[in-house]
Protein backbone atom coordinates (compact mmCIF):
# COMPACT_ATOMS: atom_id res chain seq x y z
CA MET A 1 -31.87 -73.52 19.76
CA LYS A 2 -28.18 -74.30 19.46
CA ALA A 3 -25.21 -72.00 19.73
CA PRO A 4 -24.22 -69.91 16.67
CA ASN A 5 -23.49 -71.88 13.52
CA ASP A 6 -19.89 -70.71 13.40
CA ALA A 7 -19.03 -72.79 16.45
CA ARG A 8 -17.36 -75.38 14.24
CA SER A 9 -14.81 -72.77 13.10
CA LEU A 10 -13.62 -72.58 16.69
CA GLU A 11 -12.89 -76.30 16.98
CA ASP A 12 -9.43 -77.03 18.28
CA ASP A 13 -8.54 -79.33 15.38
CA ALA A 14 -4.87 -78.42 15.13
CA PRO A 15 -2.40 -81.27 14.68
CA PRO A 16 -0.46 -82.34 17.78
CA TRP A 17 2.21 -79.89 18.83
CA SER A 18 4.93 -82.42 18.14
CA GLU A 19 3.80 -82.68 14.52
CA ARG A 20 3.93 -78.97 13.85
CA LYS A 21 7.02 -77.08 12.80
CA GLN A 22 8.76 -75.90 15.95
CA GLU A 23 10.15 -72.40 15.45
CA ARG A 24 12.45 -72.39 18.47
CA SER A 25 16.21 -72.18 18.64
CA SER A 26 17.86 -75.58 18.34
CA SER A 27 19.41 -74.98 21.76
CA THR A 28 15.97 -74.60 23.36
CA PRO A 29 14.18 -77.96 23.57
CA PRO A 30 10.37 -77.85 23.80
CA SER A 31 9.08 -78.08 27.35
CA SER A 32 7.06 -81.18 28.16
CA ALA A 33 5.09 -79.40 30.89
CA PRO A 34 4.09 -75.83 31.67
CA ALA A 35 6.44 -73.95 33.95
CA PRO A 36 5.25 -72.80 37.38
CA LEU A 37 3.62 -69.40 37.78
CA GLY A 38 6.08 -66.63 36.98
CA ILE A 39 8.68 -68.96 35.42
CA THR A 40 9.10 -69.52 31.69
CA ALA A 41 10.91 -72.16 29.70
CA ARG A 42 14.42 -71.34 28.52
CA GLY A 43 14.31 -69.13 25.45
CA ALA A 44 10.73 -67.94 26.01
CA VAL A 45 10.01 -64.22 26.15
CA VAL A 46 7.42 -62.65 28.44
CA MET A 47 5.50 -60.25 26.20
CA VAL A 48 2.90 -59.26 28.81
CA PRO A 49 3.84 -59.74 32.48
CA PHE A 50 1.42 -60.20 35.34
CA PRO A 51 0.49 -57.04 37.23
CA VAL A 52 2.48 -56.29 40.37
CA PRO A 53 1.21 -57.06 42.88
CA LEU A 54 -0.89 -59.91 41.54
CA THR A 55 -3.96 -59.99 43.80
CA ALA A 56 -6.92 -62.35 43.88
CA LEU A 57 -9.98 -61.50 41.81
CA SER A 58 -12.41 -59.38 43.85
CA GLU A 59 -14.86 -57.77 41.39
CA VAL A 60 -16.12 -58.18 37.85
CA ARG A 61 -17.54 -55.54 35.54
CA SER A 62 -21.30 -55.98 35.23
CA THR A 63 -21.06 -55.21 31.52
CA LEU A 64 -19.28 -58.53 30.99
CA LEU A 65 -22.00 -60.48 32.77
CA LEU A 66 -24.78 -58.66 30.91
CA ALA A 67 -23.05 -59.38 27.59
CA SER A 68 -22.76 -63.04 28.58
CA VAL A 69 -26.45 -63.20 29.51
CA HIS A 70 -27.31 -61.54 26.18
CA ALA A 71 -25.34 -64.19 24.30
CA LEU A 72 -27.31 -66.88 26.15
CA ARG A 73 -30.57 -65.16 25.24
CA VAL A 74 -29.68 -64.94 21.54
CA ALA A 75 -28.72 -68.63 21.53
CA GLY A 76 -32.03 -69.62 23.16
CA TYR A 77 -30.68 -70.68 26.55
CA LEU A 78 -32.02 -67.87 28.73
CA ASP A 79 -34.89 -69.77 30.38
CA ALA A 80 -32.69 -72.77 31.14
CA TYR A 81 -29.99 -70.47 32.49
CA GLN A 82 -32.37 -68.58 34.78
CA ALA A 83 -33.70 -71.85 36.16
CA ARG A 84 -30.15 -72.79 37.19
CA LEU A 85 -29.05 -69.40 38.53
CA ASP A 86 -28.80 -69.24 42.33
CA PRO A 87 -31.80 -67.12 43.48
CA GLN A 88 -29.53 -65.45 46.01
CA HIS A 89 -27.62 -63.80 43.17
CA ARG A 90 -30.37 -63.47 40.55
CA ASP A 91 -30.99 -59.73 40.98
CA ALA A 92 -27.30 -58.93 41.27
CA VAL A 93 -26.74 -60.50 37.84
CA LEU A 94 -29.91 -59.77 35.88
CA ALA A 95 -30.71 -56.33 37.32
CA SER A 96 -27.18 -54.98 37.45
CA VAL A 97 -26.41 -51.61 35.89
CA ALA A 98 -23.99 -51.65 32.97
CA GLY A 99 -20.59 -50.28 33.88
CA SER A 100 -20.82 -51.09 37.58
CA TRP A 101 -18.76 -53.62 39.54
CA VAL A 102 -20.17 -56.78 41.15
CA PRO A 103 -18.47 -59.11 43.66
CA ALA A 104 -16.57 -62.06 42.23
CA ARG A 105 -18.93 -64.46 44.04
CA VAL A 106 -21.83 -63.08 41.99
CA ALA A 107 -19.94 -63.61 38.74
CA LEU A 108 -19.06 -67.14 39.82
CA ALA A 109 -22.76 -67.86 40.42
CA HIS A 110 -23.43 -66.75 36.86
CA TYR A 111 -20.80 -69.05 35.41
CA ARG A 112 -21.88 -71.95 37.63
CA ALA A 113 -25.35 -71.60 36.12
CA CYS A 114 -23.74 -71.63 32.66
CA ASP A 115 -21.85 -74.81 33.60
CA ALA A 116 -25.15 -76.45 34.57
CA LEU A 117 -26.49 -75.99 31.03
CA GLY A 118 -24.34 -78.94 29.95
CA LEU A 119 -23.14 -77.33 26.72
CA THR A 120 -20.26 -78.72 24.70
CA SER A 121 -16.94 -76.90 24.74
CA LEU A 122 -17.56 -75.77 21.15
CA GLU A 123 -20.89 -74.24 22.13
CA GLN A 124 -19.30 -72.57 25.14
CA MET A 125 -16.50 -71.18 22.98
CA ALA A 126 -18.99 -69.82 20.43
CA LEU A 127 -20.90 -68.04 23.17
CA GLY A 128 -17.66 -66.64 24.56
CA ARG A 129 -16.77 -65.39 21.12
CA GLN A 130 -20.09 -63.59 20.87
CA THR A 131 -19.62 -62.11 24.34
CA GLY A 132 -16.22 -60.80 23.27
CA ASN A 133 -17.45 -58.99 20.18
CA GLY A 134 -17.26 -55.70 22.05
CA LEU A 135 -13.58 -56.31 22.69
CA ARG A 136 -13.01 -56.58 18.96
CA HIS A 137 -14.41 -53.10 18.44
CA HIS A 138 -12.22 -51.77 21.25
CA LEU A 139 -9.17 -53.47 19.76
CA THR A 140 -9.82 -51.86 16.39
CA ARG A 141 -9.77 -48.44 18.04
CA ALA A 142 -6.84 -49.27 20.32
CA VAL A 143 -4.40 -50.34 17.62
CA GLY A 144 -5.72 -48.13 14.85
CA VAL A 145 -6.70 -50.91 12.49
CA LEU A 146 -8.10 -49.27 9.37
CA SER A 147 -8.85 -52.49 7.53
CA ARG A 148 -8.95 -56.15 8.47
CA GLY A 149 -5.52 -57.46 9.39
CA VAL A 150 -3.55 -54.75 7.58
CA GLY A 151 -0.22 -54.08 9.26
CA VAL A 152 -1.19 -55.68 12.57
CA SER A 153 0.40 -58.84 13.95
CA PRO A 154 -1.03 -61.13 16.64
CA TRP A 155 1.69 -59.88 18.97
CA LEU A 156 0.21 -56.39 18.84
CA VAL A 157 -3.13 -57.94 19.78
CA PHE A 158 -1.53 -59.78 22.70
CA GLU A 159 -0.03 -56.53 23.98
CA GLN A 160 -3.60 -55.35 24.62
CA PHE A 161 -4.63 -58.37 26.72
CA ASP A 162 -3.76 -56.83 30.08
CA ARG A 163 -5.80 -53.75 29.16
CA PHE A 164 -8.75 -55.93 28.21
CA TRP A 165 -8.45 -57.73 31.53
CA ALA A 166 -8.36 -54.50 33.55
CA ARG A 167 -11.51 -53.28 31.81
CA SER A 168 -13.51 -56.25 33.10
CA PHE A 169 -11.79 -57.53 36.25
CA LYS A 170 -10.40 -56.16 39.50
CA GLY A 171 -7.72 -58.55 40.66
CA GLY A 172 -6.38 -61.60 38.92
CA GLY A 173 -4.26 -61.13 35.84
CA VAL A 174 -3.10 -62.36 32.45
CA SER A 175 0.39 -62.96 31.11
CA VAL A 176 1.47 -63.69 27.54
CA VAL A 177 4.67 -65.61 26.79
CA LYS A 178 6.23 -65.90 23.33
CA HIS A 179 7.57 -69.38 22.53
CA GLY A 180 8.12 -68.86 18.81
CA PRO A 181 7.25 -66.50 15.93
CA LYS A 182 3.75 -68.02 15.72
CA GLU A 183 3.40 -69.76 19.05
CA ALA A 184 2.35 -68.25 22.37
CA GLU A 185 1.19 -69.19 25.83
CA ILE A 186 -1.50 -67.29 27.73
CA VAL A 187 -1.70 -67.71 31.50
CA TYR A 188 -4.60 -66.46 33.61
CA ALA A 189 -4.00 -66.48 37.36
CA LYS A 190 -5.64 -65.73 40.71
CA CYS A 191 -9.07 -65.70 39.09
CA ALA A 192 -11.68 -67.76 40.93
CA LEU A 193 -13.89 -67.79 37.82
CA LEU A 194 -11.45 -70.25 36.27
CA GLN A 195 -13.12 -72.91 38.44
CA SER A 196 -15.90 -72.80 35.83
CA PRO A 197 -15.31 -74.94 32.71
CA TYR A 198 -17.72 -72.64 30.87
CA PHE A 199 -15.64 -69.58 31.75
CA ARG A 200 -12.40 -71.26 30.64
CA SER A 201 -13.94 -72.28 27.31
CA ALA A 202 -15.41 -68.80 26.87
CA LEU A 203 -11.93 -67.30 27.33
CA ARG A 204 -10.78 -69.42 24.39
CA GLY A 205 -13.65 -68.10 22.30
CA VAL A 206 -12.81 -64.50 23.16
CA ALA A 207 -9.10 -64.94 22.36
CA LEU A 208 -9.73 -66.75 19.07
CA GLY A 209 -12.26 -64.10 18.07
CA LEU A 210 -9.65 -61.40 18.62
CA LEU A 211 -6.96 -63.28 16.71
CA GLU A 212 -9.37 -63.79 13.82
CA ILE A 213 -8.85 -60.11 13.01
CA VAL A 214 -5.18 -60.58 12.16
CA THR A 215 -4.68 -64.26 11.25
CA ARG A 216 -6.00 -66.63 8.61
CA ARG A 217 -6.53 -69.34 11.19
CA SER A 218 -5.60 -69.85 14.82
CA PHE A 219 -5.63 -72.74 17.28
CA MET A 220 -5.87 -72.66 21.06
CA SER A 221 -5.90 -75.46 23.60
CA GLU A 222 -6.01 -75.56 27.38
CA VAL A 223 -2.75 -76.97 28.72
CA SER A 224 -3.54 -77.04 32.41
CA PHE A 225 -5.81 -75.78 35.16
CA THR A 226 -4.52 -75.51 38.73
CA ALA A 227 -7.40 -75.18 41.18
CA THR A 228 -5.26 -74.25 44.17
CA ARG A 229 -3.81 -71.25 42.32
CA HIS A 230 -6.90 -70.47 40.26
CA GLU A 231 -4.61 -70.58 37.23
CA ALA A 232 -5.20 -71.77 33.65
CA ARG A 233 -2.66 -72.07 30.84
CA TYR A 234 -3.36 -72.09 27.11
CA ARG A 235 -1.16 -72.67 24.06
CA LEU A 236 -1.81 -70.91 20.77
CA SER A 237 -0.51 -71.13 17.24
CA TRP A 238 -1.62 -69.46 14.04
CA VAL A 239 -1.11 -69.13 10.33
């Protein structure tokens, strides 16, 4: 069985950045490369800063892993996933109690098994979107959304990202930088799970699923991944 049929809606089919209307000040030329950790391009505004101190990821909420396994089960990948999961960490993943914390190495074993499934990025994003459905319900409560998209901008959604992160991860962090009225950059750092292509694609699915609440359409692409810093950068735009 393949991933959910709405995977195509997650496809990163936006036109090249250079072809889109740039909503920056004329005195602020677009950056040709992402700035180093903690540094933003001239004119950019940090909407959500990294936590201080920014420590390495140490634990992951078991609820996130169980939700990810559930998404695999619904999509028909459970048997293939279990065959690829390191036996050393099988019980820690599959028999974990919801709401507990598991070591980061256990979570990485889970995502390594997901990598081994050989899914396309669209399929990975769709599964990440399904995993993040619980976040959508939390967001609705957090910002008091009474009806879809009424009175809520994407920037209000972004302001919740550090809270979402803290609910699922101990260590690591997320930062959101505003580059224009409808253009943002999300940076995840000091998170060893970013070594997994599946995890990085799933993050895109989660973010796009959240933005779907308050935009007509959104686009997100991975700009860079730095293995030595366990850091990944994404650019977003929306209409």
